Amino acid sequence: LTTTSVILANEELKGRIIGKEGRNIHTFEEKTGVDLDMDSSPGEIIISSFDPIRREVAKIALEKLVADGRIQPARIEEIVEKTKSELDNMMYKAGDDLCHKVGAYNIPKELVQMLGRFKYRFSYGQNMIEHTLEETKIGIALAHELKANVDLVRLGCLFHDIGKVVTEDEGTHI
């Protein structure tokens, strides 16, 4: 999935989002790192990016701008930055919740933040938080049965996909 859509109340909003000489849309695309498709579908805007977090920031920011009504470059920059900050907080909470659910504590904040990126990533159709939760529980059960070091297995399972979210590009296990 590389697109997300935002439904508009009316078609006239597209003109306001584009702005005079395209300056609003240019600012929005530059600040969010996404492409907006205004023409594919009446009554909606298609947000395109390979990065699901950028798409989510753009979707939320665009919805806020439309609701607010003040669509101009300075306001766009303000809303996008605020949305990025809010999403960072939500991802940190998601990473922290994941750590607590699997019983992993005292994890450095930077790693908890990276784990939170799993909230917006999917692997083979499954959300990566759900995947990590499931496979970590299985790993812990196996470690108990085999009398292996449970804490070591817990951490190995928890972080086995971290390479997929270390950069903004789609990563691998490496």
N, C-alpha and C. Protein backbone atom coordinates (compact mmCIF):
# COMPACT_ATOMS: atom_id res chain seq x y z
N LEU A 1 0.84 -1.17 0.00
CA LEU A 1 0.00 0.00 0.00
C LEU A 1 0.89 1.24 0.00
N THR A 2 0.73 2.07 -1.01
CA THR A 2 1.55 3.28 -1.09
C THR A 2 0.71 4.55 -1.19
N THR A 3 -0.62 4.41 -1.06
CA THR A 3 -1.47 5.59 -1.12
C THR A 3 -2.47 5.61 0.03
N THR A 4 -2.89 6.81 0.35
CA THR A 4 -3.94 7.06 1.35
C THR A 4 -4.79 8.16 0.76
N SER A 5 -6.08 8.16 1.06
CA SER A 5 -6.92 9.22 0.51
C SER A 5 -7.56 10.06 1.61
N VAL A 6 -7.84 11.29 1.27
CA VAL A 6 -8.55 12.22 2.15
C VAL A 6 -9.79 12.68 1.38
N ILE A 7 -10.94 12.48 1.99
CA ILE A 7 -12.21 12.89 1.39
C ILE A 7 -12.44 14.37 1.71
N LEU A 8 -12.86 15.10 0.69
CA LEU A 8 -13.12 16.54 0.85
C LEU A 8 -14.63 16.80 0.85
N ALA A 9 -15.04 17.79 1.63
CA ALA A 9 -16.45 18.16 1.71
C ALA A 9 -16.95 18.73 0.38
N ASN A 10 -16.06 19.44 -0.34
CA ASN A 10 -16.44 19.96 -1.65
C ASN A 10 -15.20 20.13 -2.52
N GLU A 11 -15.43 20.17 -3.80
CA GLU A 11 -14.36 20.22 -4.81
C GLU A 11 -13.59 21.54 -4.74
N GLU A 12 -14.22 22.62 -4.26
CA GLU A 12 -13.55 23.92 -4.20
C GLU A 12 -12.34 23.91 -3.27
N LEU A 13 -12.34 23.00 -2.31
CA LEU A 13 -11.20 22.92 -1.38
C LEU A 13 -9.90 22.59 -2.11
N LYS A 14 -10.01 21.88 -3.22
CA LYS A 14 -8.80 21.54 -3.97
C LYS A 14 -8.05 22.79 -4.42
N GLY A 15 -8.80 23.78 -4.87
CA GLY A 15 -8.19 25.04 -5.30
C GLY A 15 -7.47 25.74 -4.16
N ARG A 16 -8.07 25.71 -2.98
CA ARG A 16 -7.45 26.34 -1.81
C ARG A 16 -6.20 25.57 -1.38
N ILE A 17 -6.24 24.24 -1.52
CA ILE A 17 -5.08 23.44 -1.16
C ILE A 17 -3.94 23.68 -2.15
N ILE A 18 -4.28 23.84 -3.42
CA ILE A 18 -3.25 24.13 -4.42
C ILE A 18 -2.66 25.52 -4.16
N GLY A 19 -3.54 26.50 -3.93
CA GLY A 19 -3.09 27.86 -3.61
C GLY A 19 -2.64 28.64 -4.83
N LYS A 20 -2.42 29.92 -4.60
CA LYS A 20 -1.98 30.82 -5.67
C LYS A 20 -0.65 30.35 -6.22
N GLU A 21 -0.61 30.15 -7.54
CA GLU A 21 0.60 29.69 -8.24
C GLU A 21 1.15 28.37 -7.66
N GLY A 22 0.27 27.60 -7.03
CA GLY A 22 0.67 26.29 -6.51
C GLY A 22 1.52 26.32 -5.26
N ARG A 23 1.59 27.47 -4.60
CA ARG A 23 2.51 27.57 -3.46
C ARG A 23 2.07 26.73 -2.26
N ASN A 24 0.75 26.58 -2.04
CA ASN A 24 0.31 25.77 -0.89
C ASN A 24 0.65 24.29 -1.08
N ILE A 25 0.30 23.76 -2.25
CA ILE A 25 0.56 22.34 -2.49
C ILE A 25 2.08 22.08 -2.51
N HIS A 26 2.82 23.01 -3.07
CA HIS A 26 4.28 22.85 -3.11
C HIS A 26 4.85 22.80 -1.69
N THR A 27 4.41 23.72 -0.83
CA THR A 27 4.86 23.74 0.57
C THR A 27 4.48 22.45 1.28
N PHE A 28 3.23 22.03 1.07
CA PHE A 28 2.75 20.81 1.73
C PHE A 28 3.57 19.59 1.31
N GLU A 29 3.77 19.42 0.01
CA GLU A 29 4.54 18.27 -0.48
C GLU A 29 5.99 18.32 0.01
N GLU A 30 6.57 19.51 0.02
CA GLU A 30 7.95 19.66 0.47
C GLU A 30 8.09 19.32 1.96
N LYS A 31 7.17 19.79 2.78
CA LYS A 31 7.26 19.60 4.24
C LYS A 31 6.89 18.18 4.67
N THR A 32 6.05 17.50 3.90
CA THR A 32 5.63 16.15 4.29
C THR A 32 6.40 15.05 3.55
N GLY A 33 6.98 15.38 2.41
CA GLY A 33 7.69 14.37 1.64
C GLY A 33 6.78 13.41 0.89
N VAL A 34 5.56 13.84 0.58
CA VAL A 34 4.61 13.02 -0.16
C VAL A 34 4.23 13.73 -1.45
N ASP A 35 3.53 13.02 -2.32
CA ASP A 35 2.96 13.61 -3.52
C ASP A 35 1.45 13.61 -3.37
N LEU A 36 0.81 14.72 -3.76
CA LEU A 36 -0.64 14.80 -3.73
C LEU A 36 -1.18 14.69 -5.15
N ASP A 37 -2.15 13.82 -5.34
CA ASP A 37 -2.83 13.67 -6.62
C ASP A 37 -4.22 14.28 -6.45
N MET A 38 -4.42 15.41 -7.10
CA MET A 38 -5.68 16.14 -6.96
C MET A 38 -6.70 15.74 -8.03
N ASP A 39 -6.25 15.01 -9.06
CA ASP A 39 -7.09 14.81 -10.25
C ASP A 39 -7.71 13.43 -10.40
N SER A 40 -7.20 12.42 -9.72
CA SER A 40 -7.65 11.05 -9.95
C SER A 40 -9.10 10.80 -9.59
N SER A 41 -9.56 11.44 -8.55
CA SER A 41 -10.89 11.11 -8.05
C SER A 41 -11.60 12.37 -7.56
N PRO A 42 -12.81 12.60 -8.03
CA PRO A 42 -13.54 13.78 -7.56
C PRO A 42 -13.88 13.63 -6.07
N GLY A 43 -13.73 14.74 -5.35
CA GLY A 43 -14.09 14.73 -3.95
C GLY A 43 -13.05 14.15 -3.01
N GLU A 44 -11.89 13.79 -3.55
CA GLU A 44 -10.84 13.28 -2.67
C GLU A 44 -9.46 13.60 -3.22
N ILE A 45 -8.50 13.57 -2.32
CA ILE A 45 -7.09 13.77 -2.67
C ILE A 45 -6.36 12.48 -2.33
N ILE A 46 -5.53 12.03 -3.24
CA ILE A 46 -4.74 10.82 -3.02
C ILE A 46 -3.34 11.23 -2.57
N ILE A 47 -2.92 10.72 -1.43
CA ILE A 47 -1.59 10.98 -0.88
C ILE A 47 -0.73 9.78 -1.23
N SER A 48 0.41 10.04 -1.85
CA SER A 48 1.26 8.96 -2.32
C SER A 48 2.67 9.06 -1.74
N SER A 49 3.13 7.95 -1.15
CA SER A 49 4.49 7.85 -0.64
C SER A 49 4.74 6.40 -0.25
N PHE A 50 5.97 5.95 -0.42
CA PHE A 50 6.32 4.60 0.01
C PHE A 50 6.44 4.53 1.53
N ASP A 51 6.64 5.67 2.18
CA ASP A 51 6.81 5.70 3.64
C ASP A 51 5.44 5.87 4.31
N PRO A 52 4.97 4.84 5.05
CA PRO A 52 3.64 4.92 5.66
C PRO A 52 3.54 6.00 6.75
N ILE A 53 4.64 6.34 7.37
CA ILE A 53 4.61 7.36 8.41
C ILE A 53 4.45 8.74 7.76
N ARG A 54 5.15 8.98 6.68
CA ARG A 54 4.97 10.25 5.95
C ARG A 54 3.53 10.38 5.46
N ARG A 55 2.96 9.27 4.96
CA ARG A 55 1.57 9.31 4.50
C ARG A 55 0.62 9.65 5.64
N GLU A 56 0.87 9.07 6.80
CA GLU A 56 0.00 9.33 7.96
C GLU A 56 0.12 10.79 8.42
N VAL A 57 1.34 11.31 8.47
CA VAL A 57 1.53 12.72 8.82
C VAL A 57 0.78 13.60 7.83
N ALA A 58 0.93 13.31 6.55
CA ALA A 58 0.27 14.11 5.52
C ALA A 58 -1.25 14.03 5.63
N LYS A 59 -1.78 12.85 5.86
CA LYS A 59 -3.23 12.67 5.98
C LYS A 59 -3.78 13.49 7.16
N ILE A 60 -3.17 13.33 8.31
CA ILE A 60 -3.65 14.04 9.51
C ILE A 60 -3.50 15.55 9.33
N ALA A 61 -2.35 15.98 8.81
CA ALA A 61 -2.11 17.41 8.63
C ALA A 61 -3.10 18.00 7.62
N LEU A 62 -3.35 17.30 6.52
CA LEU A 62 -4.28 17.80 5.51
C LEU A 62 -5.69 17.90 6.09
N GLU A 63 -6.10 16.89 6.85
CA GLU A 63 -7.42 16.94 7.48
C GLU A 63 -7.52 18.11 8.45
N LYS A 64 -6.46 18.38 9.21
CA LYS A 64 -6.45 19.52 10.14
C LYS A 64 -6.52 20.84 9.39
N LEU A 65 -5.77 20.95 8.30
CA LEU A 65 -5.77 22.20 7.52
C LEU A 65 -7.14 22.47 6.91
N VAL A 66 -7.77 21.44 6.39
CA VAL A 66 -9.09 21.61 5.79
C VAL A 66 -10.11 22.01 6.86
N ALA A 67 -10.04 21.37 8.02
CA ALA A 67 -10.97 21.69 9.12
C ALA A 67 -10.73 23.11 9.63
N ASP A 68 -9.47 23.50 9.70
CA ASP A 68 -9.10 24.82 10.20
C ASP A 68 -9.48 25.92 9.19
N GLY A 69 -9.31 25.64 7.91
CA GLY A 69 -9.66 26.60 6.87
C GLY A 69 -8.55 27.56 6.49
N ARG A 70 -7.54 27.70 7.35
CA ARG A 70 -6.43 28.62 7.04
C ARG A 70 -5.34 27.83 6.32
N ILE A 71 -5.44 27.79 5.01
CA ILE A 71 -4.49 27.00 4.22
C ILE A 71 -3.56 27.98 3.52
N GLN A 72 -2.39 28.15 4.10
CA GLN A 72 -1.35 29.01 3.51
C GLN A 72 0.00 28.50 4.03
N PRO A 73 1.09 28.81 3.33
CA PRO A 73 2.39 28.19 3.64
C PRO A 73 2.82 28.19 5.11
N ALA A 74 2.71 29.30 5.78
CA ALA A 74 3.16 29.35 7.19
C ALA A 74 2.31 28.42 8.06
N ARG A 75 1.01 28.39 7.82
CA ARG A 75 0.11 27.52 8.58
C ARG A 75 0.38 26.05 8.24
N ILE A 76 0.66 25.77 6.99
CA ILE A 76 0.98 24.41 6.57
C ILE A 76 2.21 23.92 7.33
N GLU A 77 3.26 24.74 7.35
CA GLU A 77 4.49 24.36 8.06
C GLU A 77 4.21 24.10 9.54
N GLU A 78 3.42 24.97 10.15
CA GLU A 78 3.09 24.84 11.57
C GLU A 78 2.32 23.54 11.86
N ILE A 79 1.29 23.28 11.05
CA ILE A 79 0.46 22.09 11.25
C ILE A 79 1.25 20.81 10.99
N VAL A 80 2.08 20.80 9.96
CA VAL A 80 2.87 19.61 9.64
C VAL A 80 3.85 19.32 10.78
N GLU A 81 4.53 20.32 11.29
CA GLU A 81 5.47 20.10 12.40
C GLU A 81 4.76 19.61 13.65
N LYS A 82 3.62 20.20 13.95
CA LYS A 82 2.84 19.77 15.11
C LYS A 82 2.37 18.32 14.94
N THR A 83 1.93 17.97 13.75
CA THR A 83 1.46 16.62 13.47
C THR A 83 2.60 15.61 13.59
N LYS A 84 3.78 15.97 13.08
CA LYS A 84 4.94 15.08 13.21
C LYS A 84 5.24 14.81 14.68
N SER A 85 5.19 15.85 15.49
CA SER A 85 5.44 15.71 16.92
C SER A 85 4.40 14.81 17.59
N GLU A 86 3.14 15.02 17.24
CA GLU A 86 2.06 14.19 17.80
C GLU A 86 2.24 12.73 17.39
N LEU A 87 2.60 12.51 16.13
CA LEU A 87 2.78 11.14 15.66
C LEU A 87 3.99 10.48 16.33
N ASP A 88 5.07 11.25 16.54
CA ASP A 88 6.22 10.73 17.29
C ASP A 88 5.79 10.27 18.68
N ASN A 89 4.96 11.08 19.34
CA ASN A 89 4.47 10.70 20.67
C ASN A 89 3.61 9.44 20.61
N MET A 90 2.75 9.34 19.61
CA MET A 90 1.91 8.15 19.46
C MET A 90 2.76 6.91 19.19
N MET A 91 3.80 7.07 18.37
CA MET A 91 4.67 5.92 18.07
C MET A 91 5.45 5.50 19.31
N TYR A 92 5.92 6.47 20.08
CA TYR A 92 6.65 6.13 21.31
C TYR A 92 5.73 5.34 22.24
N LYS A 93 4.50 5.79 22.38
CA LYS A 93 3.54 5.09 23.24
C LYS A 93 3.30 3.67 22.72
N ALA A 94 3.16 3.51 21.41
CA ALA A 94 2.95 2.19 20.82
C ALA A 94 4.15 1.28 21.09
N GLY A 95 5.36 1.82 20.96
CA GLY A 95 6.57 1.04 21.25
C GLY A 95 6.65 0.68 22.72
N ASP A 96 6.32 1.62 23.58
CA ASP A 96 6.33 1.38 25.02
C ASP A 96 5.30 0.32 25.41
N ASP A 97 4.10 0.41 24.83
CA ASP A 97 3.06 -0.59 25.08
C ASP A 97 3.52 -1.97 24.65
N LEU A 98 4.16 -2.06 23.48
CA LEU A 98 4.66 -3.34 22.99
C LEU A 98 5.68 -3.92 23.96
N CYS A 99 6.62 -3.10 24.41
CA CYS A 99 7.64 -3.57 25.36
C CYS A 99 6.99 -4.10 26.64
N HIS A 100 6.02 -3.38 27.15
CA HIS A 100 5.35 -3.81 28.38
C HIS A 100 4.57 -5.10 28.18
N LYS A 101 3.92 -5.23 27.02
CA LYS A 101 3.13 -6.44 26.75
C LYS A 101 4.00 -7.69 26.71
N VAL A 102 5.25 -7.54 26.27
CA VAL A 102 6.13 -8.72 26.21
C VAL A 102 7.05 -8.80 27.43
N GLY A 103 6.92 -7.84 28.34
CA GLY A 103 7.72 -7.89 29.57
C GLY A 103 9.16 -7.44 29.40
N ALA A 104 9.40 -6.53 28.48
CA ALA A 104 10.75 -5.99 28.28
C ALA A 104 10.78 -4.58 28.85
N TYR A 105 11.65 -4.37 29.84
CA TYR A 105 11.71 -3.09 30.53
C TYR A 105 13.11 -2.50 30.44
N ASN A 106 13.22 -1.22 30.75
CA ASN A 106 14.49 -0.50 30.72
C ASN A 106 15.14 -0.49 29.34
N ILE A 107 14.31 -0.43 28.32
CA ILE A 107 14.78 -0.36 26.93
C ILE A 107 15.09 1.11 26.64
N PRO A 108 16.23 1.41 26.02
CA PRO A 108 16.54 2.81 25.69
C PRO A 108 15.42 3.46 24.86
N LYS A 109 15.14 4.72 25.16
CA LYS A 109 14.03 5.45 24.52
C LYS A 109 14.12 5.43 22.99
N GLU A 110 15.35 5.51 22.46
CA GLU A 110 15.51 5.52 21.00
C GLU A 110 15.02 4.21 20.40
N LEU A 111 15.27 3.11 21.08
CA LEU A 111 14.81 1.82 20.57
C LEU A 111 13.31 1.66 20.73
N VAL A 112 12.76 2.17 21.83
CA VAL A 112 11.31 2.13 22.03
C VAL A 112 10.64 2.93 20.90
N GLN A 113 11.22 4.09 20.56
CA GLN A 113 10.68 4.92 19.48
C GLN A 113 10.70 4.15 18.16
N MET A 114 11.79 3.45 17.88
CA MET A 114 11.87 2.66 16.64
C MET A 114 10.83 1.56 16.63
N LEU A 115 10.64 0.88 17.75
CA LEU A 115 9.62 -0.17 17.82
C LEU A 115 8.24 0.41 17.56
N GLY A 116 8.01 1.64 17.97
CA GLY A 116 6.72 2.29 17.73
C GLY A 116 6.42 2.51 16.27
N ARG A 117 7.46 2.56 15.44
CA ARG A 117 7.26 2.70 13.99
C ARG A 117 6.56 1.48 13.42
N PHE A 118 6.63 0.35 14.14
CA PHE A 118 5.94 -0.86 13.70
C PHE A 118 4.43 -0.63 13.56
N LYS A 119 3.90 0.34 14.29
CA LYS A 119 2.46 0.63 14.25
C LYS A 119 2.00 0.96 12.83
N TYR A 120 2.88 1.54 12.04
CA TYR A 120 2.51 1.97 10.69
C TYR A 120 3.14 1.11 9.60
N ARG A 121 3.69 -0.03 9.98
CA ARG A 121 4.31 -0.93 9.01
C ARG A 121 3.58 -2.26 8.98
N PHE A 122 3.58 -2.85 7.81
CA PHE A 122 2.95 -4.15 7.63
C PHE A 122 3.93 -5.07 6.93
N SER A 123 3.89 -6.32 7.28
CA SER A 123 4.72 -7.32 6.64
C SER A 123 3.81 -8.48 6.26
N TYR A 124 3.72 -8.77 4.99
CA TYR A 124 2.85 -9.83 4.49
C TYR A 124 1.42 -9.65 4.98
N GLY A 125 0.95 -8.39 5.00
CA GLY A 125 -0.41 -8.08 5.36
C GLY A 125 -0.70 -7.99 6.86
N GLN A 126 0.30 -8.27 7.69
CA GLN A 126 0.09 -8.23 9.13
C GLN A 126 0.80 -7.01 9.72
N ASN A 127 0.11 -6.31 10.61
CA ASN A 127 0.72 -5.19 11.30
C ASN A 127 1.92 -5.69 12.08
N MET A 128 3.03 -4.95 12.02
CA MET A 128 4.27 -5.43 12.63
C MET A 128 4.23 -5.43 14.16
N ILE A 129 3.39 -4.60 14.77
CA ILE A 129 3.26 -4.69 16.23
C ILE A 129 2.61 -6.01 16.59
N GLU A 130 1.53 -6.36 15.90
CA GLU A 130 0.86 -7.63 16.17
C GLU A 130 1.79 -8.81 15.90
N HIS A 131 2.51 -8.74 14.79
CA HIS A 131 3.45 -9.80 14.44
C HIS A 131 4.51 -9.97 15.54
N THR A 132 5.08 -8.86 15.98
CA THR A 132 6.14 -8.92 17.00
C THR A 132 5.59 -9.45 18.32
N LEU A 133 4.41 -9.03 18.68
CA LEU A 133 3.77 -9.52 19.90
C LEU A 133 3.56 -11.03 19.84
N GLU A 134 3.03 -11.51 18.73
CA GLU A 134 2.77 -12.95 18.57
C GLU A 134 4.06 -13.77 18.60
N GLU A 135 5.04 -13.36 17.79
CA GLU A 135 6.24 -14.19 17.70
C GLU A 135 7.08 -14.10 18.97
N THR A 136 7.00 -12.99 19.69
CA THR A 136 7.74 -12.89 20.95
C THR A 136 7.13 -13.81 21.99
N LYS A 137 5.80 -13.87 22.05
CA LYS A 137 5.13 -14.79 22.98
C LYS A 137 5.50 -16.24 22.67
N ILE A 138 5.54 -16.58 21.39
CA ILE A 138 5.93 -17.94 20.98
C ILE A 138 7.38 -18.20 21.37
N GLY A 139 8.26 -17.24 21.11
CA GLY A 139 9.68 -17.40 21.46
C GLY A 139 9.88 -17.59 22.96
N ILE A 140 9.15 -16.82 23.76
CA ILE A 140 9.26 -16.94 25.22
C ILE A 140 8.79 -18.33 25.67
N ALA A 141 7.67 -18.79 25.11
CA ALA A 141 7.16 -20.13 25.47
C ALA A 141 8.17 -21.21 25.11
N LEU A 142 8.77 -21.09 23.93
CA LEU A 142 9.78 -22.07 23.52
C LEU A 142 11.01 -22.01 24.43
N ALA A 143 11.42 -20.81 24.80
CA ALA A 143 12.58 -20.65 25.68
C ALA A 143 12.33 -21.31 27.03
N HIS A 144 11.13 -21.14 27.57
CA HIS A 144 10.78 -21.80 28.84
C HIS A 144 10.87 -23.32 28.69
N GLU A 145 10.29 -23.83 27.61
CA GLU A 145 10.26 -25.28 27.39
C GLU A 145 11.66 -25.86 27.20
N LEU A 146 12.51 -25.11 26.53
CA LEU A 146 13.88 -25.59 26.25
C LEU A 146 14.87 -25.21 27.34
N LYS A 147 14.36 -24.51 28.36
CA LYS A 147 15.20 -24.03 29.47
C LYS A 147 16.34 -23.14 28.96
N ALA A 148 16.01 -22.33 27.95
CA ALA A 148 16.96 -21.37 27.39
C ALA A 148 16.84 -20.06 28.18
N ASN A 149 17.71 -19.12 27.90
CA ASN A 149 17.68 -17.82 28.56
C ASN A 149 16.47 -17.04 28.04
N VAL A 150 15.42 -16.98 28.85
CA VAL A 150 14.15 -16.38 28.43
C VAL A 150 14.32 -14.89 28.10
N ASP A 151 15.06 -14.16 28.92
CA ASP A 151 15.23 -12.72 28.66
C ASP A 151 15.98 -12.46 27.36
N LEU A 152 16.97 -13.28 27.07
CA LEU A 152 17.72 -13.12 25.83
C LEU A 152 16.82 -13.42 24.62
N VAL A 153 16.03 -14.47 24.72
CA VAL A 153 15.10 -14.81 23.63
C VAL A 153 14.05 -13.71 23.48
N ARG A 154 13.54 -13.19 24.59
CA ARG A 154 12.53 -12.12 24.57
C ARG A 154 13.07 -10.92 23.78
N LEU A 155 14.29 -10.50 24.09
CA LEU A 155 14.88 -9.34 23.41
C LEU A 155 15.17 -9.65 21.94
N GLY A 156 15.67 -10.85 21.68
CA GLY A 156 15.93 -11.24 20.29
C GLY A 156 14.67 -11.21 19.45
N CYS A 157 13.59 -11.74 20.01
CA CYS A 157 12.31 -11.74 19.30
C CYS A 157 11.77 -10.32 19.12
N LEU A 158 11.84 -9.54 20.19
CA LEU A 158 11.32 -8.17 20.16
C LEU A 158 12.00 -7.34 19.08
N PHE A 159 13.30 -7.52 18.92
CA PHE A 159 14.06 -6.67 18.00
C PHE A 159 14.39 -7.32 16.66
N HIS A 160 13.85 -8.50 16.38
CA HIS A 160 14.26 -9.20 15.16
C HIS A 160 13.91 -8.45 13.87
N ASP A 161 12.91 -7.58 13.88
CA ASP A 161 12.53 -6.82 12.68
C ASP A 161 12.97 -5.37 12.72
N ILE A 162 13.77 -5.00 13.70
CA ILE A 162 14.12 -3.58 13.88
C ILE A 162 14.80 -2.99 12.64
N GLY A 163 15.51 -3.82 11.89
CA GLY A 163 16.17 -3.34 10.66
C GLY A 163 15.20 -2.81 9.63
N LYS A 164 13.93 -3.22 9.74
CA LYS A 164 12.93 -2.77 8.78
C LYS A 164 12.51 -1.32 9.01
N VAL A 165 12.82 -0.77 10.20
CA VAL A 165 12.38 0.59 10.51
C VAL A 165 13.52 1.51 10.94
N VAL A 166 14.76 1.07 10.79
CA VAL A 166 15.91 1.89 11.21
C VAL A 166 16.01 3.14 10.34
N THR A 167 15.69 3.02 9.07
CA THR A 167 15.73 4.17 8.16
C THR A 167 14.32 4.42 7.64
N GLU A 168 14.14 5.54 6.96
CA GLU A 168 12.83 5.83 6.38
C GLU A 168 12.56 4.95 5.17
N ASP A 169 13.61 4.42 4.56
CA ASP A 169 13.42 3.49 3.44
C ASP A 169 13.00 2.15 3.99
N GLU A 170 12.35 1.35 3.14
CA GLU A 170 11.94 0.01 3.54
C GLU A 170 13.19 -0.81 3.80
N GLY A 171 13.39 -1.25 5.05
CA GLY A 171 14.59 -1.99 5.41
C GLY A 171 14.37 -3.49 5.40
N THR A 172 15.39 -4.21 5.83
CA THR A 172 15.33 -5.67 5.90
C THR A 172 15.68 -6.09 7.33
N HIS A 173 15.70 -7.39 7.56
CA HIS A 173 16.12 -7.89 8.87
C HIS A 173 17.54 -7.46 9.20
N ILE A 174 18.36 -7.25 8.20
CA ILE A 174 19.75 -6.87 8.42
C ILE A 174 19.79 -5.50 9.01
